[in-house]
């Protein structure tokens, strides 16, 4: 199974933007770990937005 390049780039940009990690550090993550970080960031962003 392959993962769409656009989706990978979006995940990398999202994690890099919020965690300020380098591209190398993010690419070193397993896909599942990178996806989990992206999901956790989204939860934090949504919670912050809800709190105003």
N, C-alpha and C. Protein backbone atom coordinates (compact mmCIF):
# COMPACT_ATOMS: atom_id res chain seq x y z
N UNK A 1 0.85 -1.17 0.00
CA UNK A 1 0.00 0.00 0.00
C UNK A 1 0.90 1.25 0.00
N UNK A 2 0.55 2.20 -0.80
CA UNK A 2 1.31 3.44 -0.84
C UNK A 2 0.50 4.55 -0.18
N UNK A 3 1.19 5.59 0.16
CA UNK A 3 0.56 6.72 0.82
C UNK A 3 0.73 7.92 -0.09
N UNK A 4 -0.31 8.66 -0.34
CA UNK A 4 -0.27 9.77 -1.28
C UNK A 4 0.79 10.80 -0.88
N UNK A 5 1.59 11.20 -1.85
CA UNK A 5 2.67 12.15 -1.59
C UNK A 5 2.14 13.46 -1.02
N UNK A 6 0.99 13.92 -1.52
CA UNK A 6 0.41 15.16 -1.00
C UNK A 6 0.08 15.04 0.49
N UNK A 7 -0.40 13.88 0.88
CA UNK A 7 -0.76 13.66 2.29
C UNK A 7 0.49 13.64 3.16
N UNK A 8 1.54 13.00 2.69
CA UNK A 8 2.80 12.96 3.43
C UNK A 8 3.33 14.38 3.61
N UNK A 9 3.33 15.17 2.54
CA UNK A 9 3.82 16.55 2.63
C UNK A 9 2.98 17.36 3.61
N UNK A 10 1.67 17.15 3.60
CA UNK A 10 0.80 17.88 4.52
C UNK A 10 1.11 17.51 5.97
N UNK A 11 1.30 16.22 6.24
CA UNK A 11 1.65 15.78 7.60
C UNK A 11 2.97 16.38 8.05
N UNK A 12 3.96 16.34 7.16
CA UNK A 12 5.28 16.87 7.49
C UNK A 12 5.18 18.37 7.80
N UNK A 13 4.49 19.11 6.96
CA UNK A 13 4.34 20.54 7.16
C UNK A 13 3.61 20.84 8.47
N UNK A 14 2.61 20.07 8.77
CA UNK A 14 1.81 20.27 9.99
C UNK A 14 2.66 20.04 11.23
N UNK A 15 3.37 18.94 11.27
CA UNK A 15 4.23 18.64 12.42
C UNK A 15 5.36 19.66 12.53
N UNK A 16 5.99 19.97 11.42
CA UNK A 16 7.10 20.94 11.43
C UNK A 16 6.61 22.31 11.92
N UNK A 17 5.47 22.74 11.46
CA UNK A 17 4.93 24.05 11.83
C UNK A 17 4.65 24.14 13.33
N UNK A 18 4.04 23.10 13.87
CA UNK A 18 3.62 23.14 15.27
C UNK A 18 4.71 22.73 16.25
N UNK A 19 5.56 21.80 15.88
CA UNK A 19 6.59 21.32 16.80
C UNK A 19 7.97 21.88 16.49
N UNK A 20 8.09 22.55 15.36
CA UNK A 20 9.38 23.13 14.95
C UNK A 20 10.48 22.07 14.83
N UNK A 21 10.09 20.89 14.38
CA UNK A 21 11.06 19.81 14.16
C UNK A 21 11.62 19.94 12.75
N UNK A 22 12.82 19.43 12.57
CA UNK A 22 13.44 19.46 11.24
C UNK A 22 12.79 18.42 10.33
N UNK A 23 12.96 18.64 9.04
CA UNK A 23 12.46 17.69 8.05
C UNK A 23 13.08 16.32 8.30
N UNK A 24 14.35 16.29 8.56
CA UNK A 24 15.05 15.01 8.81
C UNK A 24 14.44 14.28 10.00
N UNK A 25 14.19 14.99 11.08
CA UNK A 25 13.60 14.35 12.27
C UNK A 25 12.21 13.80 11.98
N UNK A 26 11.43 14.54 11.23
CA UNK A 26 10.07 14.09 10.92
C UNK A 26 10.11 12.89 9.98
N UNK A 27 10.99 12.93 8.98
CA UNK A 27 11.08 11.80 8.06
C UNK A 27 11.62 10.55 8.72
N UNK A 28 12.35 10.70 9.83
CA UNK A 28 12.86 9.54 10.56
C UNK A 28 11.75 8.80 11.31
N UNK A 29 10.60 9.44 11.48
CA UNK A 29 9.49 8.80 12.18
C UNK A 29 8.86 7.73 11.29
N UNK A 30 8.38 6.68 11.92
CA UNK A 30 7.55 5.71 11.21
C UNK A 30 6.25 6.41 10.82
N UNK A 31 5.64 5.93 9.75
CA UNK A 31 4.41 6.58 9.28
C UNK A 31 3.36 6.65 10.39
N UNK A 32 3.15 5.58 11.09
CA UNK A 32 2.13 5.56 12.15
C UNK A 32 2.42 6.58 13.24
N UNK A 33 3.67 6.73 13.60
CA UNK A 33 4.05 7.71 14.61
C UNK A 33 3.82 9.13 14.10
N UNK A 34 4.20 9.39 12.85
CA UNK A 34 4.00 10.72 12.28
C UNK A 34 2.51 11.04 12.21
N UNK A 35 1.70 10.08 11.81
CA UNK A 35 0.25 10.26 11.75
C UNK A 35 -0.30 10.54 13.14
N UNK A 36 0.20 9.82 14.13
CA UNK A 36 -0.27 10.02 15.52
C UNK A 36 0.06 11.42 16.01
N UNK A 37 1.28 11.89 15.73
CA UNK A 37 1.64 13.25 16.12
C UNK A 37 0.72 14.26 15.44
N UNK A 38 0.45 14.09 14.18
CA UNK A 38 -0.44 15.00 13.47
C UNK A 38 -1.84 15.00 14.10
N UNK A 39 -2.33 13.82 14.47
CA UNK A 39 -3.64 13.73 15.12
C UNK A 39 -3.64 14.41 16.48
N UNK A 40 -2.57 14.22 17.24
CA UNK A 40 -2.47 14.85 18.56
C UNK A 40 -2.38 16.36 18.45
N UNK A 41 -1.63 16.85 17.47
CA UNK A 41 -1.55 18.30 17.24
C UNK A 41 -2.93 18.84 16.91
N UNK A 42 -3.65 18.15 16.04
CA UNK A 42 -5.00 18.59 15.67
C UNK A 42 -5.90 18.67 16.89
N UNK A 43 -5.80 17.70 17.79
CA UNK A 43 -6.60 17.72 19.01
C UNK A 43 -6.24 18.92 19.88
N UNK A 44 -4.95 19.22 20.00
CA UNK A 44 -4.51 20.38 20.78
C UNK A 44 -5.01 21.69 20.16
N UNK A 45 -4.90 21.79 18.85
CA UNK A 45 -5.34 23.01 18.15
C UNK A 45 -6.85 23.18 18.32
N UNK A 46 -7.60 22.10 18.17
CA UNK A 46 -9.05 22.18 18.31
C UNK A 46 -9.46 22.54 19.73
N UNK A 47 -8.77 21.97 20.71
CA UNK A 47 -9.07 22.28 22.12
C UNK A 47 -8.77 23.75 22.40
N UNK A 48 -7.65 24.25 21.92
CA UNK A 48 -7.29 25.65 22.14
C UNK A 48 -8.32 26.58 21.49
N UNK A 49 -8.77 26.22 20.29
CA UNK A 49 -9.76 27.04 19.59
C UNK A 49 -11.10 27.05 20.35
N UNK A 50 -11.46 25.92 20.90
CA UNK A 50 -12.72 25.82 21.64
C UNK A 50 -12.69 26.62 22.94
N UNK A 51 -11.49 26.71 23.51
CA UNK A 51 -11.33 27.47 24.76
C UNK A 51 -11.26 28.98 24.52
N UNK A 52 -11.09 29.34 23.24
CA UNK A 52 -11.13 30.74 22.87
C UNK A 52 -9.84 31.42 22.95
